[in-house]
Amino acid sequence: MRGALGLLLLLLAVCGSGAQEEGGGGGQVGEVRGSEFQKKSQRDVAEESTEQSIATPDIWAEVKALRDMVVEQRVELRNMEARVESSESQLIDTKYHMEQLQRENSVQATELISLETRLSSSESKTSNLEKQNAERPKVAFYTALTNSGHVGPFNTEVTLKYSKVFTNIGNAYNPATGFFTAPVKGVYYIQFTVCGYNLGYAGLFLYKNNHAIMYTVEYNEHAGMEYFTNALALELLAGDEIHMRLPSGHSVFDNDSNHNTFSGFLLFPM
């Protein structure tokens, strides 16, 4: 603005000087004023030019500073965008891992529920078996005949009384009579071992109640020990009796080595 004003004043001074020359010289005072005005206008133009030369570098410096600031802000913005993208990527990865963990936890929870169900079922079955075993009668016996040595031969059948009782769970065997009495209906496993020492027959009858259901015999041709063992599974009613008889003319041998034995146990009730 000041530069334009100075330029206008300079033009006016030049025009005034030209008019004075064309009018044949306007006087000494006009010349002096015109000269002073011209000098003043030149000083103003010089000052304005100096001010412009001083102000221009400041403007460019500010523009450069603004440009640098914009560049820095753009760089910072890009860095922020990169960090945001990185954070979003990490967030996506974290979300994916969380979803994967949730799926795995869901599968494990399902497996755990299934395992708990099977365990509960197994515990229930075990409890039932324990209850059944607790309620199931326990029957087992194991006996040996005598320590006196030779038994027989006799002229009649003789009921053998196995006097050495090693096991008698359920007290189903009576050593005073030689009878085993079934306490419950079921299938029983019965076994006996016979040892003969004398020359001749060694054998036994196995009786169920009053009926012989098995006869086992060996003929000993030489004086010496002869062994045989037999066993069977019998379905017995509660109260049925099992005992062993020595046939007439037969003999057996037993001592503290327990050569002749009689045993049995309940396989399962019915």
C-alpha atoms as a PDB file:
ATOM      1  CA  MET A   1       0.000   0.000   0.000  1.00  0.00           C
ATOM      2  CA  ARG A   2       2.783   2.400   0.938  1.00  0.00           C
ATOM      3  CA  GLY A   3       4.677   1.471  -2.271  1.00  0.00           C
ATOM      4  CA  ALA A   4       1.672   2.443  -4.411  1.00  0.00           C
ATOM      5  CA  LEU A   5       1.281   5.781  -2.535  1.00  0.00           C
ATOM      6  CA  GLY A   6       4.931   6.629  -3.078  1.00  0.00           C
ATOM      7  CA  LEU A   7       4.691   5.825  -6.750  1.00  0.00           C
ATOM      8  CA  LEU A   8       1.620   8.077  -7.077  1.00  0.00           C
ATOM      9  CA  LEU A   9       3.403  10.987  -5.398  1.00  0.00           C
ATOM     10  CA  LEU A  10       6.389  10.523  -7.680  1.00  0.00           C
ATOM     11  CA  LEU A  11       4.132  10.708 -10.745  1.00  0.00           C
ATOM     12  CA  LEU A  12       2.460  13.853  -9.444  1.00  0.00           C
ATOM     13  CA  ALA A  13       5.842  15.474  -8.912  1.00  0.00           C
ATOM     14  CA  VAL A  14       6.946  14.632 -12.414  1.00  0.00           C
ATOM     15  CA  CYS A  15       3.710  15.995 -13.873  1.00  0.00           C
ATOM     16  CA  GLY A  16       4.021  19.210 -11.861  1.00  0.00           C
ATOM     17  CA  SER A  17       7.554  19.776 -13.052  1.00  0.00           C
ATOM     18  CA  GLY A  18       6.515  19.217 -16.679  1.00  0.00           C
ATOM     19  CA  ALA A  19       3.640  21.696 -16.376  1.00  0.00           C
ATOM     20  CA  GLN A  20       5.931  24.339 -14.888  1.00  0.00           C
ATOM     21  CA  GLU A  21       8.294  24.066 -17.817  1.00  0.00           C
ATOM     22  CA  GLU A  22       5.466  24.323 -20.372  1.00  0.00           C
ATOM     23  CA  GLY A  23       3.992  27.419 -18.649  1.00  0.00           C
ATOM     24  CA  GLY A  24       7.172  29.413 -19.064  1.00  0.00           C
ATOM     25  CA  GLY A  25       8.486  29.008 -15.462  1.00  0.00           C
ATOM     26  CA  GLY A  26       6.061  29.324 -12.564  1.00  0.00           C
ATOM     27  CA  GLY A  27       8.324  30.960  -9.980  1.00  0.00           C
ATOM     28  CA  GLN A  28      11.001  30.132  -7.559  1.00  0.00           C
ATOM     29  CA  VAL A  29       8.685  28.997  -4.713  1.00  0.00           C
ATOM     30  CA  GLY A  30       7.012  26.330  -6.939  1.00  0.00           C
ATOM     31  CA  GLU A  31      10.375  25.022  -7.951  1.00  0.00           C
ATOM     32  CA  VAL A  32      11.510  24.717  -4.324  1.00  0.00           C
ATOM     33  CA  ARG A  33       8.274  22.965  -3.227  1.00  0.00           C
ATOM     34  CA  GLY A  34       8.381  20.666  -6.222  1.00  0.00           C
ATOM     35  CA  SER A  35      11.943  19.783  -5.426  1.00  0.00           C
ATOM     36  CA  GLU A  36      11.136  19.118  -1.754  1.00  0.00           C
ATOM     37  CA  PHE A  37       8.078  17.055  -2.644  1.00  0.00           C
ATOM     38  CA  GLN A  38      10.152  15.069  -5.094  1.00  0.00           C
ATOM     39  CA  LYS A  39      12.804  14.390  -2.456  1.00  0.00           C
ATOM     40  CA  LYS A  40      10.170  13.419   0.096  1.00  0.00           C
ATOM     41  CA  SER A  41       8.527  11.056  -2.400  1.00  0.00           C
ATOM     42  CA  GLN A  42      11.860   9.465  -3.196  1.00  0.00           C
ATOM     43  CA  ARG A  43      12.542   8.953   0.523  1.00  0.00           C
ATOM     44  CA  ASP A  44       9.117   7.347   0.991  1.00  0.00           C
ATOM     45  CA  VAL A  45       9.685   5.048  -1.980  1.00  0.00           C
ATOM     46  CA  ALA A  46      13.101   4.120  -0.613  1.00  0.00           C
ATOM     47  CA  GLU A  47      11.675   3.466   2.867  1.00  0.00           C
ATOM     48  CA  GLU A  48       8.784   1.424   1.421  1.00  0.00           C
ATOM     49  CA  SER A  49      11.223  -0.580  -0.673  1.00  0.00           C
ATOM     50  CA  THR A  50      13.372  -1.148   2.405  1.00  0.00           C
ATOM     51  CA  GLU A  51      10.339  -2.224   4.460  1.00  0.00           C
ATOM     52  CA  GLN A  52       9.254  -4.579   1.677  1.00  0.00           C
ATOM     53  CA  SER A  53      12.759  -6.051   1.479  1.00  0.00           C
ATOM     54  CA  ILE A  54      12.705  -6.550   5.267  1.00  0.00           C
ATOM     55  CA  ALA A  55       9.118  -7.959   5.415  1.00  0.00           C
ATOM     56  CA  THR A  56       9.508 -10.342   2.455  1.00  0.00           C
ATOM     57  CA  PRO A  57      12.136 -12.621   4.057  1.00  0.00           C
ATOM     58  CA  ASP A  58       9.959 -12.840   7.248  1.00  0.00           C
ATOM     59  CA  ILE A  59       6.967 -14.006   5.215  1.00  0.00           C
ATOM     60  CA  TRP A  60       8.995 -16.674   3.422  1.00  0.00           C
ATOM     61  CA  ALA A  61      10.443 -17.838   6.710  1.00  0.00           C
ATOM     62  CA  GLU A  62       6.944 -18.189   8.137  1.00  0.00           C
ATOM     63  CA  VAL A  63       5.767 -19.977   5.000  1.00  0.00           C
ATOM     64  CA  LYS A  64       8.749 -22.332   5.211  1.00  0.00           C
ATOM     65  CA  ALA A  65       8.059 -22.916   8.890  1.00  0.00           C
ATOM     66  CA  LEU A  66       4.403 -23.649   8.117  1.00  0.00           C
ATOM     67  CA  ARG A  67       5.439 -25.968   5.314  1.00  0.00           C
ATOM     68  CA  ASP A  68       7.861 -27.784   7.626  1.00  0.00           C
ATOM     69  CA  MET A  69       5.137 -28.012  10.245  1.00  0.00           C
ATOM     70  CA  VAL A  70       2.721 -29.471   7.678  1.00  0.00           C
ATOM     71  CA  VAL A  71       5.373 -31.985   6.571  1.00  0.00           C
ATOM     72  CA  GLU A  72       6.019 -32.975  10.193  1.00  0.00           C
ATOM     73  CA  GLN A  73       2.306 -33.313  10.822  1.00  0.00           C
ATOM     74  CA  ARG A  74       1.944 -35.470   7.719  1.00  0.00           C
ATOM     75  CA  VAL A  75       4.823 -37.675   8.876  1.00  0.00           C
ATOM     76  CA  GLU A  76       3.326 -37.874  12.352  1.00  0.00           C
ATOM     77  CA  LEU A  77      -0.080 -38.663  10.818  1.00  0.00           C
ATOM     78  CA  ARG A  78       1.431 -41.446   8.739  1.00  0.00           C
ATOM     79  CA  ASN A  79       3.188 -42.795  11.823  1.00  0.00           C
ATOM     80  CA  MET A  80      -0.076 -42.652  13.734  1.00  0.00           C
ATOM     81  CA  GLU A  81      -1.881 -44.404  10.881  1.00  0.00           C
ATOM     82  CA  ALA A  82       0.822 -47.091  10.879  1.00  0.00           C
ATOM     83  CA  ARG A  83       0.495 -47.518  14.642  1.00  0.00           C
ATOM     84  CA  VAL A  84      -3.287 -47.661  14.327  1.00  0.00           C
ATOM     85  CA  GLU A  85      -3.008 -50.285  11.590  1.00  0.00           C
ATOM     86  CA  SER A  86      -0.564 -52.253  13.736  1.00  0.00           C
ATOM     87  CA  SER A  87      -2.905 -51.974  16.725  1.00  0.00           C
ATOM     88  CA  GLU A  88      -5.858 -53.054  14.587  1.00  0.00           C
ATOM     89  CA  SER A  89      -3.831 -56.013  13.305  1.00  0.00           C
ATOM     90  CA  GLN A  90      -2.872 -56.973  16.858  1.00  0.00           C
ATOM     91  CA  LEU A  91      -6.487 -56.539  17.922  1.00  0.00           C
ATOM     92  CA  ILE A  92      -7.639 -58.803  15.090  1.00  0.00           C
ATOM     93  CA  ASP A  93      -5.007 -61.414  16.019  1.00  0.00           C
ATOM     94  CA  THR A  94      -6.010 -61.160  19.672  1.00  0.00           C
ATOM     95  CA  LYS A  95      -9.679 -61.502  18.767  1.00  0.00           C
ATOM     96  CA  TYR A  96      -8.881 -64.520  16.575  1.00  0.00           C
ATOM     97  CA  HIS A  97      -6.876 -66.176  19.353  1.00  0.00           C
ATOM     98  CA  MET A  98      -9.640 -65.422  21.845  1.00  0.00           C
ATOM     99  CA  GLU A  99     -12.243 -66.963  19.542  1.00  0.00           C
ATOM    100  CA  GLN A 100      -9.983 -69.981  19.037  1.00  0.00           C
ATOM    101  CA  LEU A 101      -9.523 -70.314  22.796  1.00  0.00           C
ATOM    102  CA  GLN A 102     -13.279 -70.001  23.280  1.00  0.00           C
ATOM    103  CA  ARG A 103     -13.855 -72.786  20.732  1.00  0.00           C
ATOM    104  CA  GLU A 104     -11.231 -74.956  22.418  1.00  0.00           C
ATOM    105  CA  ASN A 105     -12.743 -74.218  25.820  1.00  0.00           C
ATOM    106  CA  SER A 106     -16.168 -75.106  24.457  1.00  0.00           C
ATOM    107  CA  VAL A 107     -14.855 -78.415  23.107  1.00  0.00           C
ATOM    108  CA  GLN A 108     -13.056 -79.134  26.378  1.00  0.00           C
ATOM    109  CA  ALA A 109     -16.183 -78.242  28.341  1.00  0.00           C
ATOM    110  CA  THR A 110     -18.202 -80.665  26.199  1.00  0.00           C
ATOM    111  CA  GLU A 111     -15.590 -83.381  26.679  1.00  0.00           C
ATOM    112  CA  LEU A 112     -15.510 -82.662  30.413  1.00  0.00           C
ATOM    113  CA  ILE A 113     -19.296 -82.964  30.638  1.00  0.00           C
ATOM    114  CA  SER A 114     -19.141 -86.238  28.687  1.00  0.00           C
ATOM    115  CA  LEU A 115     -16.360 -87.477  30.957  1.00  0.00           C
ATOM    116  CA  GLU A 116     -18.298 -86.480  34.056  1.00  0.00           C
ATOM    117  CA  THR A 117     -21.349 -88.292  32.672  1.00  0.00           C
ATOM    118  CA  ARG A 118     -19.325 -91.445  32.001  1.00  0.00           C
ATOM    119  CA  LEU A 119     -17.663 -91.150  35.390  1.00  0.00           C
ATOM    120  CA  SER A 120     -21.025 -90.726  37.069  1.00  0.00           C
ATOM    121  CA  SER A 121     -22.321 -93.753  35.163  1.00  0.00           C
ATOM    122  CA  SER A 122     -19.238 -95.776  36.136  1.00  0.00           C
ATOM    123  CA  GLU A 123     -19.596 -94.707  39.747  1.00  0.00           C
ATOM    124  CA  SER A 124     -23.247 -95.710  39.648  1.00  0.00           C
ATOM    125  CA  LYS A 125     -22.369 -99.104  38.169  1.00  0.00           C
ATOM    126  CA  THR A 126     -19.562 -99.552  40.699  1.00  0.00           C
ATOM    127  CA  SER A 127     -21.930 -98.616  43.487  1.00  0.00           C
ATOM    128  CA  ASN A 128     -24.485-101.110  42.197  1.00  0.00           C
ATOM    129  CA  LEU A 129     -21.839-103.828  41.940  1.00  0.00           C
ATOM    130  CA  GLU A 130     -20.612-103.047  45.432  1.00  0.00           C
ATOM    131  CA  LYS A 131     -24.177-103.179  46.662  1.00  0.00           C
ATOM    132  CA  GLN A 132     -24.762-106.463  44.859  1.00  0.00           C
ATOM    133  CA  ASN A 133     -21.520-107.885  46.217  1.00  0.00           C
ATOM    134  CA  ALA A 134     -22.441-106.697  49.682  1.00  0.00           C
ATOM    135  CA  GLU A 135     -25.861-108.334  49.369  1.00  0.00           C
ATOM    136  CA  ARG A 136     -24.505-111.430  47.620  1.00  0.00           C
ATOM    137  CA  PRO A 137     -23.942-114.329  50.016  1.00  0.00           C
ATOM    138  CA  LYS A 138     -20.303-115.283  50.443  1.00  0.00           C
ATOM    139  CA  VAL A 139     -19.779-119.032  50.611  1.00  0.00           C
ATOM    140  CA  ALA A 140     -16.471-120.900  50.454  1.00  0.00           C
ATOM    141  CA  PHE A 141     -14.875-123.761  52.338  1.00  0.00           C
ATOM    142  CA  TYR A 142     -11.659-125.790  52.230  1.00  0.00           C
ATOM    143  CA  THR A 143     -10.983-128.843  54.431  1.00  0.00           C
ATOM    144  CA  ALA A 144      -8.624-131.815  54.846  1.00  0.00           C
ATOM    145  CA  LEU A 145      -9.538-135.278  56.138  1.00  0.00           C
ATOM    146  CA  THR A 146      -7.355-136.311  59.110  1.00  0.00           C
ATOM    147  CA  ASN A 147      -3.895-136.658  60.586  1.00  0.00           C
ATOM    148  CA  SER A 148      -4.430-140.305  61.652  1.00  0.00           C
ATOM    149  CA  GLY A 149      -3.047-141.938  58.464  1.00  0.00           C
ATOM    150  CA  HIS A 150      -4.994-144.868  56.961  1.00  0.00           C
ATOM    151  CA  VAL A 151      -8.791-144.691  56.799  1.00  0.00           C
ATOM    152  CA  GLY A 152     -10.505-147.984  55.786  1.00  0.00           C
ATOM    153  CA  PRO A 153     -11.193-150.377  54.338  1.00  0.00           C
ATOM    154  CA  PHE A 154     -14.622-150.941  55.956  1.00  0.00           C
ATOM    155  CA  ASN A 155     -17.400-153.467  55.373  1.00  0.00           C
ATOM    156  CA  THR A 156     -19.972-150.722  54.732  1.00  0.00           C
ATOM    157  CA  GLU A 157     -20.004-147.216  53.244  1.00  0.00           C
ATOM    158  CA  VAL A 158     -18.763-144.607  55.652  1.00  0.00           C
ATOM    159  CA  THR A 159     -19.438-140.874  55.548  1.00  0.00           C
ATOM    160  CA  LEU A 160     -16.105-139.042  55.684  1.00  0.00           C
ATOM    161  CA  LYS A 161     -15.826-136.172  58.153  1.00  0.00           C
ATOM    162  CA  TYR A 162     -13.151-133.746  57.023  1.00  0.00           C
ATOM    163  CA  SER A 163     -12.054-132.527  60.427  1.00  0.00           C
ATOM    164  CA  LYS A 164      -9.327-130.032  59.461  1.00  0.00           C
ATOM    165  CA  VAL A 165     -11.157-126.860  58.434  1.00  0.00           C
ATOM    166  CA  PHE A 166      -8.988-124.129  56.902  1.00  0.00           C
ATOM    167  CA  THR A 167     -11.715-121.987  55.325  1.00  0.00           C
ATOM    168  CA  ASN A 168     -15.415-121.882  56.132  1.00  0.00           C
ATOM    169  CA  ILE A 169     -16.838-118.547  54.949  1.00  0.00           C
ATOM    170  CA  GLY A 170     -20.564-118.525  55.539  1.00  0.00           C
ATOM    171  CA  ASN A 171     -20.287-121.545  57.896  1.00  0.00           C
ATOM    172  CA  ALA A 172     -21.952-123.771  55.310  1.00  0.00           C
ATOM    173  CA  TYR A 173     -19.684-126.747  56.085  1.00  0.00           C
ATOM    174  CA  ASN A 174     -20.183-128.744  59.290  1.00  0.00           C
ATOM    175  CA  PRO A 175     -17.027-130.684  60.365  1.00  0.00           C
ATOM    176  CA  ALA A 176     -19.076-132.687  62.925  1.00  0.00           C
ATOM    177  CA  THR A 177     -21.170-134.291  60.166  1.00  0.00           C
ATOM    178  CA  GLY A 178     -18.982-133.841  57.057  1.00  0.00           C
ATOM    179  CA  PHE A 179     -21.914-132.139  55.245  1.00  0.00           C
ATOM    180  CA  PHE A 180     -21.850-128.972  53.165  1.00  0.00           C
ATOM    181  CA  THR A 181     -25.307-127.312  53.092  1.00  0.00           C
ATOM    182  CA  ALA A 182     -26.089-124.755  50.389  1.00  0.00           C
ATOM    183  CA  PRO A 183     -27.304-121.553  52.098  1.00  0.00           C
ATOM    184  CA  VAL A 184     -28.885-120.088  48.918  1.00  0.00           C
ATOM    185  CA  LYS A 185     -29.983-121.297  45.527  1.00  0.00           C
ATOM    186  CA  GLY A 186     -27.157-121.062  43.047  1.00  0.00           C
ATOM    187  CA  VAL A 187     -24.372-122.754  41.156  1.00  0.00           C
ATOM    188  CA  TYR A 188     -21.551-124.121  43.312  1.00  0.00           C
ATOM    189  CA  TYR A 189     -18.088-125.369  42.421  1.00  0.00           C
ATOM    190  CA  ILE A 190     -17.131-128.557  44.312  1.00  0.00           C
ATOM    191  CA  GLN A 191     -13.682-130.199  44.260  1.00  0.00           C
ATOM    192  CA  PHE A 192     -12.064-133.129  46.092  1.00  0.00           C
ATOM    193  CA  THR A 193      -8.671-134.856  46.103  1.00  0.00           C
ATOM    194  CA  VAL A 194      -8.121-138.531  46.996  1.00  0.00           C
ATOM    195  CA  CYS A 195      -4.921-140.180  48.096  1.00  0.00           C
ATOM    196  CA  GLY A 196      -4.622-143.996  48.462  1.00  0.00           C
ATOM    197  CA  TYR A 197      -1.691-145.766  50.073  1.00  0.00           C
ATOM    198  CA  ASN A 198      -2.733-149.419  50.572  1.00  0.00           C
ATOM    199  CA  LEU A 199      -2.742-152.081  47.925  1.00  0.00           C
ATOM    200  CA  GLY A 200      -6.245-152.185  46.452  1.00  0.00           C
ATOM    201  CA  TYR A 201      -8.982-149.683  45.703  1.00  0.00           C
ATOM    202  CA  ALA A 202      -8.929-146.031  46.666  1.00  0.00           C
ATOM    203  CA  GLY A 203     -12.059-144.081  45.788  1.00  0.00           C
ATOM    204  CA  LEU A 204     -15.007-142.007  46.944  1.00  0.00           C
ATOM    205  CA  PHE A 205     -18.708-141.392  46.311  1.00  0.00           C
ATOM    206  CA  LEU A 206     -19.978-137.786  46.077  1.00  0.00           C
ATOM    207  CA  TYR A 207     -23.527-137.522  47.401  1.00  0.00           C
ATOM    208  CA  LYS A 208     -26.104-134.823  46.773  1.00  0.00           C
ATOM    209  CA  ASN A 209     -28.655-135.208  49.524  1.00  0.00           C
ATOM    210  CA  ASN A 210     -29.238-139.022  49.546  1.00  0.00           C
ATOM    211  CA  HIS A 211     -28.127-139.741  45.973  1.00  0.00           C
ATOM    212  CA  ALA A 212     -24.640-140.616  44.776  1.00  0.00           C
ATOM    213  CA  ILE A 213     -23.947-138.463  41.743  1.00  0.00           C
ATOM    214  CA  MET A 214     -20.248-139.305  41.243  1.00  0.00           C
ATOM    215  CA  TYR A 215     -17.986-142.300  41.908  1.00  0.00           C
ATOM    216  CA  THR A 216     -14.239-141.874  41.441  1.00  0.00           C
ATOM    217  CA  VAL A 217     -11.836-144.797  42.004  1.00  0.00           C
ATOM    218  CA  GLU A 218      -8.255-145.928  41.369  1.00  0.00           C
ATOM    219  CA  TYR A 219      -6.738-149.384  41.875  1.00  0.00           C
ATOM    220  CA  ASN A 220      -3.327-149.307  43.533  1.00  0.00           C
ATOM    221  CA  GLU A 221      -1.314-152.295  42.325  1.00  0.00           C
ATOM    222  CA  HIS A 222       1.681-151.463  44.452  1.00  0.00           C
ATOM    223  CA  ALA A 223       1.846-150.257  48.021  1.00  0.00           C
ATOM    224  CA  GLY A 224       2.454-146.549  47.591  1.00  0.00           C
ATOM    225  CA  MET A 225       0.666-143.247  47.243  1.00  0.00           C
ATOM    226  CA  GLU A 226      -1.813-142.818  44.407  1.00  0.00           C
ATOM    227  CA  TYR A 227      -3.570-139.473  43.791  1.00  0.00           C
ATOM    228  CA  PHE A 228      -6.505-138.263  41.757  1.00  0.00           C
ATOM    229  CA  THR A 229      -8.648-135.128  41.787  1.00  0.00           C
ATOM    230  CA  ASN A 230     -12.108-134.408  40.469  1.00  0.00           C
ATOM    231  CA  ALA A 231     -14.382-131.340  40.351  1.00  0.00           C
ATOM    232  CA  LEU A 232     -17.856-130.354  39.201  1.00  0.00           C
ATOM    233  CA  ALA A 233     -20.299-127.451  39.097  1.00  0.00           C
ATOM    234  CA  LEU A 234     -23.611-128.170  40.765  1.00  0.00           C
ATOM    235  CA  GLU A 235     -26.871-126.278  40.749  1.00  0.00           C
ATOM    236  CA  LEU A 236     -28.146-126.489  44.307  1.00  0.00           C
ATOM    237  CA  LEU A 237     -31.251-125.291  46.038  1.00  0.00           C
ATOM    238  CA  ALA A 238     -31.081-123.673  49.441  1.00  0.00           C
ATOM    239  CA  GLY A 239     -30.797-126.584  51.942  1.00  0.00           C
ATOM    240  CA  ASP A 240     -29.302-129.128  49.509  1.00  0.00           C
ATOM    241  CA  GLU A 241     -26.465-131.123  51.089  1.00  0.00           C
ATOM    242  CA  ILE A 242     -23.169-132.398  49.647  1.00  0.00           C
ATOM    243  CA  HIS A 243     -20.960-134.983  51.404  1.00  0.00           C
ATOM    244  CA  MET A 244     -18.317-137.618  50.603  1.00  0.00           C
ATOM    245  CA  ARG A 245     -18.568-141.365  51.357  1.00  0.00           C
ATOM    246  CA  LEU A 246     -15.907-144.077  51.408  1.00  0.00           C
ATOM    247  CA  PRO A 247     -17.223-147.208  49.645  1.00  0.00           C
ATOM    248  CA  SER A 248     -16.887-150.570  51.418  1.00  0.00           C
ATOM    249  CA  GLY A 249     -13.576-152.298  50.698  1.00  0.00           C
ATOM    250  CA  HIS A 250     -11.889-148.950  49.802  1.00  0.00           C
ATOM    251  CA  SER A 251      -9.276-147.038  51.753  1.00  0.00           C
ATOM    252  CA  VAL A 252      -7.614-143.592  51.723  1.00  0.00           C
ATOM    253  CA  PHE A 253      -4.604-142.096  53.449  1.00  0.00           C
ATOM    254  CA  ASP A 254      -4.055-138.683  55.030  1.00  0.00           C
ATOM    255  CA  ASN A 255      -1.709-137.027  57.505  1.00  0.00           C
ATOM    256  CA  ASP A 256      -0.484-133.545  58.333  1.00  0.00           C
ATOM    257  CA  SER A 257       0.414-133.076  54.641  1.00  0.00           C
ATOM    258  CA  ASN A 258      -3.324-132.932  53.800  1.00  0.00           C
ATOM    259  CA  HIS A 259      -3.431-135.500  50.976  1.00  0.00           C
ATOM    260  CA  ASN A 260      -7.254-135.801  51.021  1.00  0.00           C
ATOM    261  CA  THR A 261      -9.200-132.540  50.656  1.00  0.00           C
ATOM    262  CA  PHE A 262     -12.808-131.423  50.166  1.00  0.00           C
ATOM    263  CA  SER A 263     -13.627-127.826  49.076  1.00  0.00           C
ATOM    264  CA  GLY A 264     -16.151-125.661  47.281  1.00  0.00           C
ATOM    265  CA  PHE A 265     -17.579-122.164  46.844  1.00  0.00           C
ATOM    266  CA  LEU A 266     -20.592-120.345  45.418  1.00  0.00           C
ATOM    267  CA  LEU A 267     -20.081-119.324  41.791  1.00  0.00           C
ATOM    268  CA  PHE A 268     -23.233-117.186  41.618  1.00  0.00           C
ATOM    269  CA  PRO A 269     -26.681-117.149  43.222  1.00  0.00           C
ATOM    270  CA  MET A 270     -29.834-117.756  41.203  1.00  0.00           C
END
